Amino acid sequence: MRDFSFFKTPSKLQRTFFKKKLRHGFDLWHYCRRQPNLFFSLQPFAVRLFSMHQTKALLLRRYRFSETSFVVVWLTQEYGKVKTTARAAMKQGGGLAGRLELFSESDISFKLHQKNDLHALTEVMPSSSWKSFSPHYDTLLAASYFSELCDLALEPLHPVPEVFDLLRRAFLFLQQQAPTHRAIEHFEKELAKALGIYDPAQSGFVALQGLLRQVTRSREELLKKVEGMNPRLRGDAVTV
């Protein structure tokens, strides 16, 4: 009978040895060709170890991870929602310093972590054509509400390109003008459609509310702000 033992998962000791050799520039091919069984068992691990993922992403939210680091939640075009650690992001002169603006679009690179959903952010390149949001509170509140909906609705690493395109269009809309009641309802309706839970007999928010009960307070605050705006005093916010 043929021996298929080389397909077994490598042991923890083998993985540790493999990582140390790679750090010291050890030639993987010259090592593994002498031990073909170990080569076949470690090959998937080597692919994951070297894998670098690049994609276009929108920054949904961030919060403090340490004195100089953030946890950053992205909505990416190819991988869905991705949570990453941005180390030394608050350190002066760090590679990520000044590149993690809320609700911005960037091209990012990250490495997948195999044991949890907190991945390593390695590079952020802000989009040159992306404009900053107006400093008006209602605009930032709308962007935060839209981001919160997407964050709660999506599972990590579950790509839904329709949601990415929807949020990107919403951000572009907010760059040009103030949020309106109609725009908020349209976003909720299109999000419910993208998630496959929309019922034509109900509003988009009613469809989302059964799934996302945590956003009711944020929505109420946003609607009060939008309905209480005086267009003559406020005017539309267009970013230059």
C-alpha atoms as a PDB file:
ATOM      1  CA  MET A   1       0.000   0.000   0.000  1.00  0.00           C
ATOM      2  CA  ARG A   2       1.222   3.456  -0.905  1.00  0.00           C
ATOM      3  CA  ASP A   3       2.315   5.712   1.942  1.00  0.00           C
ATOM      4  CA  PHE A   4       0.320   8.962   2.152  1.00  0.00           C
ATOM      5  CA  SER A   5       1.749  10.057   5.482  1.00  0.00           C
ATOM      6  CA  PHE A   6       3.429  13.076   3.879  1.00  0.00           C
ATOM      7  CA  PHE A   7       0.004  14.749   3.542  1.00  0.00           C
ATOM      8  CA  LYS A   8      -0.357  15.042   7.310  1.00  0.00           C
ATOM      9  CA  THR A   9      -0.341  18.464   8.963  1.00  0.00           C
ATOM     10  CA  PRO A  10       3.162  19.547  10.081  1.00  0.00           C
ATOM     11  CA  SER A  11       3.773  19.512  13.789  1.00  0.00           C
ATOM     12  CA  LYS A  12       4.249  22.623  15.901  1.00  0.00           C
ATOM     13  CA  LEU A  13       7.963  21.830  16.189  1.00  0.00           C
ATOM     14  CA  GLN A  14       8.305  21.605  12.421  1.00  0.00           C
ATOM     15  CA  ARG A  15       6.499  24.917  11.948  1.00  0.00           C
ATOM     16  CA  THR A  16       8.730  26.656  14.504  1.00  0.00           C
ATOM     17  CA  PHE A  17      11.871  25.260  12.875  1.00  0.00           C
ATOM     18  CA  PHE A  18      10.600  26.278   9.448  1.00  0.00           C
ATOM     19  CA  LYS A  19       9.936  29.889  10.542  1.00  0.00           C
ATOM     20  CA  LYS A  20      13.381  30.240  12.129  1.00  0.00           C
ATOM     21  CA  LYS A  21      15.095  28.992   8.992  1.00  0.00           C
ATOM     22  CA  LEU A  22      13.134  31.429   6.847  1.00  0.00           C
ATOM     23  CA  ARG A  23      14.082  34.356   9.076  1.00  0.00           C
ATOM     24  CA  HIS A  24      17.750  33.524   8.575  1.00  0.00           C
ATOM     25  CA  GLY A  25      17.421  33.390   4.797  1.00  0.00           C
ATOM     26  CA  PHE A  26      17.503  29.604   4.603  1.00  0.00           C
ATOM     27  CA  ASP A  27      16.947  28.259   1.095  1.00  0.00           C
ATOM     28  CA  LEU A  28      13.598  26.458   1.230  1.00  0.00           C
ATOM     29  CA  TRP A  29      14.114  24.455  -1.939  1.00  0.00           C
ATOM     30  CA  HIS A  30      17.545  23.073  -1.014  1.00  0.00           C
ATOM     31  CA  TYR A  31      16.241  22.034   2.379  1.00  0.00           C
ATOM     32  CA  CYS A  32      12.961  20.468   1.295  1.00  0.00           C
ATOM     33  CA  ARG A  33      14.242  18.555  -1.731  1.00  0.00           C
ATOM     34  CA  ARG A  34      16.233  16.366   0.683  1.00  0.00           C
ATOM     35  CA  GLN A  35      13.064  15.619   2.665  1.00  0.00           C
ATOM     36  CA  PRO A  36      10.203  15.334   0.143  1.00  0.00           C
ATOM     37  CA  ASN A  37       7.683  14.107   2.720  1.00  0.00           C
ATOM     38  CA  LEU A  38       8.243  17.195   4.850  1.00  0.00           C
ATOM     39  CA  PHE A  39       8.192  19.369   1.739  1.00  0.00           C
ATOM     40  CA  PHE A  40       4.670  18.274   0.781  1.00  0.00           C
ATOM     41  CA  SER A  41       3.343  18.710   4.315  1.00  0.00           C
ATOM     42  CA  LEU A  42       4.864  22.185   4.737  1.00  0.00           C
ATOM     43  CA  GLN A  43       4.066  23.507   1.277  1.00  0.00           C
ATOM     44  CA  PRO A  44       0.577  24.883   2.139  1.00  0.00           C
ATOM     45  CA  PHE A  45       2.010  26.438   5.292  1.00  0.00           C
ATOM     46  CA  ALA A  46       4.769  28.118   3.266  1.00  0.00           C
ATOM     47  CA  VAL A  47       2.231  29.554   0.825  1.00  0.00           C
ATOM     48  CA  ARG A  48       0.190  31.039   3.687  1.00  0.00           C
ATOM     49  CA  LEU A  49       3.316  32.367   5.361  1.00  0.00           C
ATOM     50  CA  PHE A  50       4.410  34.283   2.296  1.00  0.00           C
ATOM     51  CA  SER A  51       0.936  35.336   1.146  1.00  0.00           C
ATOM     52  CA  MET A  52       0.427  39.083   0.912  1.00  0.00           C
ATOM     53  CA  HIS A  53      -3.041  40.359   0.079  1.00  0.00           C
ATOM     54  CA  GLN A  54      -3.568  43.652  -1.734  1.00  0.00           C
ATOM     55  CA  THR A  55      -6.902  45.331  -2.338  1.00  0.00           C
ATOM     56  CA  LYS A  56      -8.773  48.614  -2.463  1.00  0.00           C
ATOM     57  CA  ALA A  57     -10.431  49.420   0.861  1.00  0.00           C
ATOM     58  CA  LEU A  58     -12.603  51.917   2.725  1.00  0.00           C
ATOM     59  CA  LEU A  59     -11.750  52.656   6.350  1.00  0.00           C
ATOM     60  CA  LEU A  60     -14.863  51.987   8.459  1.00  0.00           C
ATOM     61  CA  ARG A  61     -13.552  52.604  11.980  1.00  0.00           C
ATOM     62  CA  ARG A  62     -10.480  52.462  14.171  1.00  0.00           C
ATOM     63  CA  TYR A  63      -9.744  52.235  17.882  1.00  0.00           C
ATOM     64  CA  ARG A  64      -6.716  52.204  20.127  1.00  0.00           C
ATOM     65  CA  PHE A  65      -4.813  48.914  20.374  1.00  0.00           C
ATOM     66  CA  SER A  66      -1.755  50.138  22.292  1.00  0.00           C
ATOM     67  CA  GLU A  67       0.033  53.409  22.956  1.00  0.00           C
ATOM     68  CA  THR A  68       1.197  53.674  19.353  1.00  0.00           C
ATOM     69  CA  SER A  69      -1.063  51.241  17.481  1.00  0.00           C
ATOM     70  CA  PHE A  70      -4.619  51.014  16.178  1.00  0.00           C
ATOM     71  CA  VAL A  71      -7.060  48.285  15.303  1.00  0.00           C
ATOM     72  CA  VAL A  72      -8.461  49.311  11.924  1.00  0.00           C
ATOM     73  CA  VAL A  73     -11.609  47.856  10.335  1.00  0.00           C
ATOM     74  CA  TRP A  74     -11.743  47.998   6.537  1.00  0.00           C
ATOM     75  CA  LEU A  75     -14.359  47.192   3.935  1.00  0.00           C
ATOM     76  CA  THR A  76     -12.372  45.816   1.027  1.00  0.00           C
ATOM     77  CA  GLN A  77     -13.357  45.220  -2.556  1.00  0.00           C
ATOM     78  CA  GLU A  78     -12.044  41.644  -2.794  1.00  0.00           C
ATOM     79  CA  TYR A  79     -12.069  40.261   0.763  1.00  0.00           C
ATOM     80  CA  GLY A  80     -15.065  41.920   2.417  1.00  0.00           C
ATOM     81  CA  LYS A  81     -14.637  43.179   5.969  1.00  0.00           C
ATOM     82  CA  VAL A  82     -11.062  42.910   7.240  1.00  0.00           C
ATOM     83  CA  LYS A  83      -9.824  43.796  10.728  1.00  0.00           C
ATOM     84  CA  THR A  84      -6.145  44.686  10.939  1.00  0.00           C
ATOM     85  CA  THR A  85      -3.576  45.914  13.426  1.00  0.00           C
ATOM     86  CA  ALA A  86      -1.752  49.091  12.422  1.00  0.00           C
ATOM     87  CA  ARG A  87       1.410  49.016  14.518  1.00  0.00           C
ATOM     88  CA  ALA A  88       3.308  52.242  15.164  1.00  0.00           C
ATOM     89  CA  ALA A  89       0.537  54.187  13.412  1.00  0.00           C
ATOM     90  CA  MET A  90       0.726  56.925  16.065  1.00  0.00           C
ATOM     91  CA  LYS A  91       4.506  56.918  16.215  1.00  0.00           C
ATOM     92  CA  GLN A  92       6.136  59.914  14.583  1.00  0.00           C
ATOM     93  CA  GLY A  93       7.877  58.839  11.419  1.00  0.00           C
ATOM     94  CA  GLY A  94       6.070  55.487  11.302  1.00  0.00           C
ATOM     95  CA  GLY A  95       5.182  54.027   7.921  1.00  0.00           C
ATOM     96  CA  LEU A  96       1.426  54.244   8.608  1.00  0.00           C
ATOM     97  CA  ALA A  97       1.407  57.605  10.382  1.00  0.00           C
ATOM     98  CA  GLY A  98      -1.108  60.035   8.870  1.00  0.00           C
ATOM     99  CA  ARG A  99      -2.540  57.456   6.454  1.00  0.00           C
ATOM    100  CA  LEU A 100      -5.489  56.163   8.473  1.00  0.00           C
ATOM    101  CA  GLU A 101      -8.135  58.826   7.995  1.00  0.00           C
ATOM    102  CA  LEU A 102     -11.680  57.715   8.790  1.00  0.00           C
ATOM    103  CA  PHE A 103     -13.951  57.039   5.796  1.00  0.00           C
ATOM    104  CA  SER A 104     -11.054  57.329   3.340  1.00  0.00           C
ATOM    105  CA  GLU A 105     -10.237  55.099   0.368  1.00  0.00           C
ATOM    106  CA  SER A 106      -6.818  53.457   0.130  1.00  0.00           C
ATOM    107  CA  ASP A 107      -4.926  50.610  -1.477  1.00  0.00           C
ATOM    108  CA  ILE A 108      -3.836  48.368   1.383  1.00  0.00           C
ATOM    109  CA  SER A 109      -1.634  45.319   1.872  1.00  0.00           C
ATOM    110  CA  PHE A 110      -2.061  42.899   4.747  1.00  0.00           C
ATOM    111  CA  LYS A 111      -1.011  39.449   5.925  1.00  0.00           C
ATOM    112  CA  LEU A 112      -3.612  36.972   7.082  1.00  0.00           C
ATOM    113  CA  HIS A 113      -3.337  35.658  10.620  1.00  0.00           C
ATOM    114  CA  GLN A 114      -4.089  31.960  10.865  1.00  0.00           C
ATOM    115  CA  LYS A 115      -5.402  31.827  14.446  1.00  0.00           C
ATOM    116  CA  ASN A 116      -7.710  34.839  14.719  1.00  0.00           C
ATOM    117  CA  ASP A 117      -9.384  37.540  12.644  1.00  0.00           C
ATOM    118  CA  LEU A 118      -6.907  40.290  13.543  1.00  0.00           C
ATOM    119  CA  HIS A 119      -4.532  40.542  10.592  1.00  0.00           C
ATOM    120  CA  ALA A 120      -1.297  42.478  10.084  1.00  0.00           C
ATOM    121  CA  LEU A 121      -1.530  45.706   8.099  1.00  0.00           C
ATOM    122  CA  THR A 122       1.716  46.229   6.201  1.00  0.00           C
ATOM    123  CA  GLU A 123       1.089  49.094   3.784  1.00  0.00           C
ATOM    124  CA  VAL A 124      -1.485  51.833   3.147  1.00  0.00           C
ATOM    125  CA  MET A 125      -1.509  54.006   0.045  1.00  0.00           C
ATOM    126  CA  PRO A 126      -4.292  56.640   0.198  1.00  0.00           C
ATOM    127  CA  SER A 127      -6.119  57.232  -3.066  1.00  0.00           C
ATOM    128  CA  SER A 128      -4.867  60.421  -4.697  1.00  0.00           C
ATOM    129  CA  SER A 129      -8.321  61.261  -6.091  1.00  0.00           C
ATOM    130  CA  TRP A 130     -10.151  60.820  -2.770  1.00  0.00           C
ATOM    131  CA  LYS A 131     -11.362  64.010  -1.108  1.00  0.00           C
ATOM    132  CA  SER A 132     -11.743  64.608   2.617  1.00  0.00           C
ATOM    133  CA  PHE A 133     -15.194  64.934   4.124  1.00  0.00           C
ATOM    134  CA  SER A 134     -16.761  68.208   5.089  1.00  0.00           C
ATOM    135  CA  PRO A 135     -16.240  69.002   8.793  1.00  0.00           C
ATOM    136  CA  HIS A 136     -20.009  69.439   9.270  1.00  0.00           C
ATOM    137  CA  TYR A 137     -21.298  67.186  12.028  1.00  0.00           C
ATOM    138  CA  ASP A 138     -24.278  65.835  10.059  1.00  0.00           C
ATOM    139  CA  THR A 139     -22.015  64.678   7.215  1.00  0.00           C
ATOM    140  CA  LEU A 140     -19.658  62.841   9.568  1.00  0.00           C
ATOM    141  CA  LEU A 141     -22.636  61.376  11.435  1.00  0.00           C
ATOM    142  CA  ALA A 142     -24.079  59.997   8.171  1.00  0.00           C
ATOM    143  CA  ALA A 143     -20.733  58.497   7.149  1.00  0.00           C
ATOM    144  CA  SER A 144     -20.405  56.920  10.587  1.00  0.00           C
ATOM    145  CA  TYR A 145     -23.940  55.466  10.382  1.00  0.00           C
ATOM    146  CA  PHE A 146     -23.362  53.974   6.934  1.00  0.00           C
ATOM    147  CA  SER A 147     -20.053  52.490   8.096  1.00  0.00           C
ATOM    148  CA  GLU A 148     -21.658  51.061  11.225  1.00  0.00           C
ATOM    149  CA  LEU A 149     -24.356  49.352   9.169  1.00  0.00           C
ATOM    150  CA  CYS A 150     -21.778  47.696   6.910  1.00  0.00           C
ATOM    151  CA  ASP A 151     -19.585  46.695   9.846  1.00  0.00           C
ATOM    152  CA  LEU A 152     -22.443  44.978  11.678  1.00  0.00           C
ATOM    153  CA  ALA A 153     -23.981  43.379   8.586  1.00  0.00           C
ATOM    154  CA  LEU A 154     -20.899  41.676   7.153  1.00  0.00           C
ATOM    155  CA  GLU A 155     -18.873  38.728   8.370  1.00  0.00           C
ATOM    156  CA  PRO A 156     -15.053  38.954   8.269  1.00  0.00           C
ATOM    157  CA  LEU A 157     -13.451  37.865   4.991  1.00  0.00           C
ATOM    158  CA  HIS A 158     -16.817  37.411   3.314  1.00  0.00           C
ATOM    159  CA  PRO A 159     -16.673  39.534   0.148  1.00  0.00           C
ATOM    160  CA  VAL A 160     -19.845  41.299  -1.001  1.00  0.00           C
ATOM    161  CA  PRO A 161     -18.739  43.623  -3.851  1.00  0.00           C
ATOM    162  CA  GLU A 162     -22.200  45.203  -4.046  1.00  0.00           C
ATOM    163  CA  VAL A 163     -21.869  46.516  -0.482  1.00  0.00           C
ATOM    164  CA  PHE A 164     -18.412  47.936  -1.179  1.00  0.00           C
ATOM    165  CA  ASP A 165     -19.689  49.768  -4.273  1.00  0.00           C
ATOM    166  CA  LEU A 166     -22.737  51.019  -2.364  1.00  0.00           C
ATOM    167  CA  LEU A 167     -20.673  52.445   0.506  1.00  0.00           C
ATOM    168  CA  ARG A 168     -18.198  54.025  -1.894  1.00  0.00           C
ATOM    169  CA  ARG A 169     -21.035  55.771  -3.765  1.00  0.00           C
ATOM    170  CA  ALA A 170     -22.484  56.942  -0.449  1.00  0.00           C
ATOM    171  CA  PHE A 171     -19.135  58.428   0.606  1.00  0.00           C
ATOM    172  CA  LEU A 172     -18.789  60.199  -2.753  1.00  0.00           C
ATOM    173  CA  PHE A 173     -22.277  61.613  -2.297  1.00  0.00           C
ATOM    174  CA  LEU A 174     -21.408  62.943   1.162  1.00  0.00           C
ATOM    175  CA  GLN A 175     -18.283  64.598  -0.227  1.00  0.00           C
ATOM    176  CA  GLN A 176     -20.474  66.735  -2.456  1.00  0.00           C
ATOM    177  CA  GLN A 177     -23.552  67.528  -0.366  1.00  0.00           C
ATOM    178  CA  ALA A 178     -25.247  67.168   2.980  1.00  0.00           C
ATOM    179  CA  PRO A 179     -27.125  63.963   3.864  1.00  0.00           C
ATOM    180  CA  THR A 180     -30.865  63.879   3.245  1.00  0.00           C
ATOM    181  CA  HIS A 181     -33.663  61.689   4.518  1.00  0.00           C
ATOM    182  CA  ARG A 182     -34.113  60.285   1.017  1.00  0.00           C
ATOM    183  CA  ALA A 183     -30.402  59.406   0.726  1.00  0.00           C
ATOM    184  CA  ILE A 184     -30.449  57.585   4.079  1.00  0.00           C
ATOM    185  CA  GLU A 185     -33.498  55.519   3.120  1.00  0.00           C
ATOM    186  CA  HIS A 186     -31.966  54.731  -0.279  1.00  0.00           C
ATOM    187  CA  PHE A 187     -28.769  53.439   1.333  1.00  0.00           C
ATOM    188  CA  GLU A 188     -30.727  51.224   3.741  1.00  0.00           C
ATOM    189  CA  LYS A 189     -32.833  49.841   0.897  1.00  0.00           C
ATOM    190  CA  GLU A 190     -29.852  49.035  -1.315  1.00  0.00           C
ATOM    191  CA  LEU A 191     -27.955  47.458   1.587  1.00  0.00           C
ATOM    192  CA  ALA A 192     -30.919  45.216   2.388  1.00  0.00           C
ATOM    193  CA  LYS A 193     -31.046  44.172  -1.282  1.00  0.00           C
ATOM    194  CA  ALA A 194     -27.323  43.371  -1.329  1.00  0.00           C
ATOM    195  CA  LEU A 195     -27.731  41.227   1.801  1.00  0.00           C
ATOM    196  CA  GLY A 196     -30.741  39.423   0.325  1.00  0.00           C
ATOM    197  CA  ILE A 197     -33.174  40.433   3.092  1.00  0.00           C
ATOM    198  CA  TYR A 198     -35.174  43.163   1.351  1.00  0.00           C
ATOM    199  CA  ASP A 199     -38.969  42.962   1.324  1.00  0.00           C
ATOM    200  CA  PRO A 200     -40.718  45.362  -1.116  1.00  0.00           C
ATOM    201  CA  ALA A 201     -43.619  45.627   1.317  1.00  0.00           C
ATOM    202  CA  GLN A 202     -41.333  47.137   3.976  1.00  0.00           C
ATOM    203  CA  SER A 203     -38.757  49.891   4.164  1.00  0.00           C
ATOM    204  CA  GLY A 204     -35.072  49.061   3.983  1.00  0.00           C
ATOM    205  CA  PHE A 205     -34.520  49.908   7.642  1.00  0.00           C
ATOM    206  CA  VAL A 206     -37.322  47.582   8.791  1.00  0.00           C
ATOM    207  CA  ALA A 207     -35.594  44.773   6.901  1.00  0.00           C
ATOM    208  CA  LEU A 208     -32.251  45.671   8.490  1.00  0.00           C
ATOM    209  CA  GLN A 209     -33.655  46.243  11.970  1.00  0.00           C
ATOM    210  CA  GLY A 210     -34.331  42.564  12.566  1.00  0.00           C
ATOM    211  CA  LEU A 211     -30.670  41.871  11.869  1.00  0.00           C
ATOM    212  CA  LEU A 212     -29.046  45.025  13.225  1.00  0.00           C
ATOM    213  CA  ARG A 213     -30.812  46.169  16.379  1.00  0.00           C
ATOM    214  CA  GLN A 214     -27.759  48.081  17.591  1.00  0.00           C
ATOM    215  CA  VAL A 215     -28.037  50.951  15.091  1.00  0.00           C
ATOM    216  CA  THR A 216     -31.445  52.310  16.092  1.00  0.00           C
ATOM    217  CA  ARG A 217     -29.992  55.032  18.334  1.00  0.00           C
ATOM    218  CA  SER A 218     -27.463  56.154  15.707  1.00  0.00           C
ATOM    219  CA  ARG A 219     -30.193  56.420  13.096  1.00  0.00           C
ATOM    220  CA  GLU A 220     -32.496  58.425  15.337  1.00  0.00           C
ATOM    221  CA  GLU A 221     -29.723  60.918  16.088  1.00  0.00           C
ATOM    222  CA  LEU A 222     -28.897  61.240  12.378  1.00  0.00           C
ATOM    223  CA  LEU A 223     -32.519  61.797  11.336  1.00  0.00           C
ATOM    224  CA  LYS A 224     -33.036  64.443  14.022  1.00  0.00           C
ATOM    225  CA  LYS A 225     -29.948  66.255  12.773  1.00  0.00           C
ATOM    226  CA  VAL A 226     -31.005  66.029   9.121  1.00  0.00           C
ATOM    227  CA  GLU A 227     -34.609  67.066   9.732  1.00  0.00           C
ATOM    228  CA  GLY A 228     -33.504  69.950  11.968  1.00  0.00           C
ATOM    229  CA  MET A 229     -31.134  71.444   9.410  1.00  0.00           C
ATOM    230  CA  ASN A 230     -31.868  74.882   7.996  1.00  0.00           C
ATOM    231  CA  PRO A 231     -30.627  74.840   4.380  1.00  0.00           C
ATOM    232  CA  ARG A 232     -30.326  78.615   4.240  1.00  0.00           C
ATOM    233  CA  LEU A 233     -27.940  78.654   7.195  1.00  0.00           C
ATOM    234  CA  ARG A 234     -26.205  75.358   6.530  1.00  0.00           C
ATOM    235  CA  GLY A 235     -25.824  75.155   2.763  1.00  0.00           C
ATOM    236  CA  ASP A 236     -24.415  72.162   0.935  1.00  0.00           C
ATOM    237  CA  ALA A 237     -20.904  71.159   1.902  1.00  0.00           C
ATOM    238  CA  VAL A 238     -18.699  70.722  -1.130  1.00  0.00           C
ATOM    239  CA  THR A 239     -15.128  69.709  -0.457  1.00  0.00           C
ATOM    240  CA  VAL A 240     -12.467  71.526  -2.406  1.00  0.00           C
END
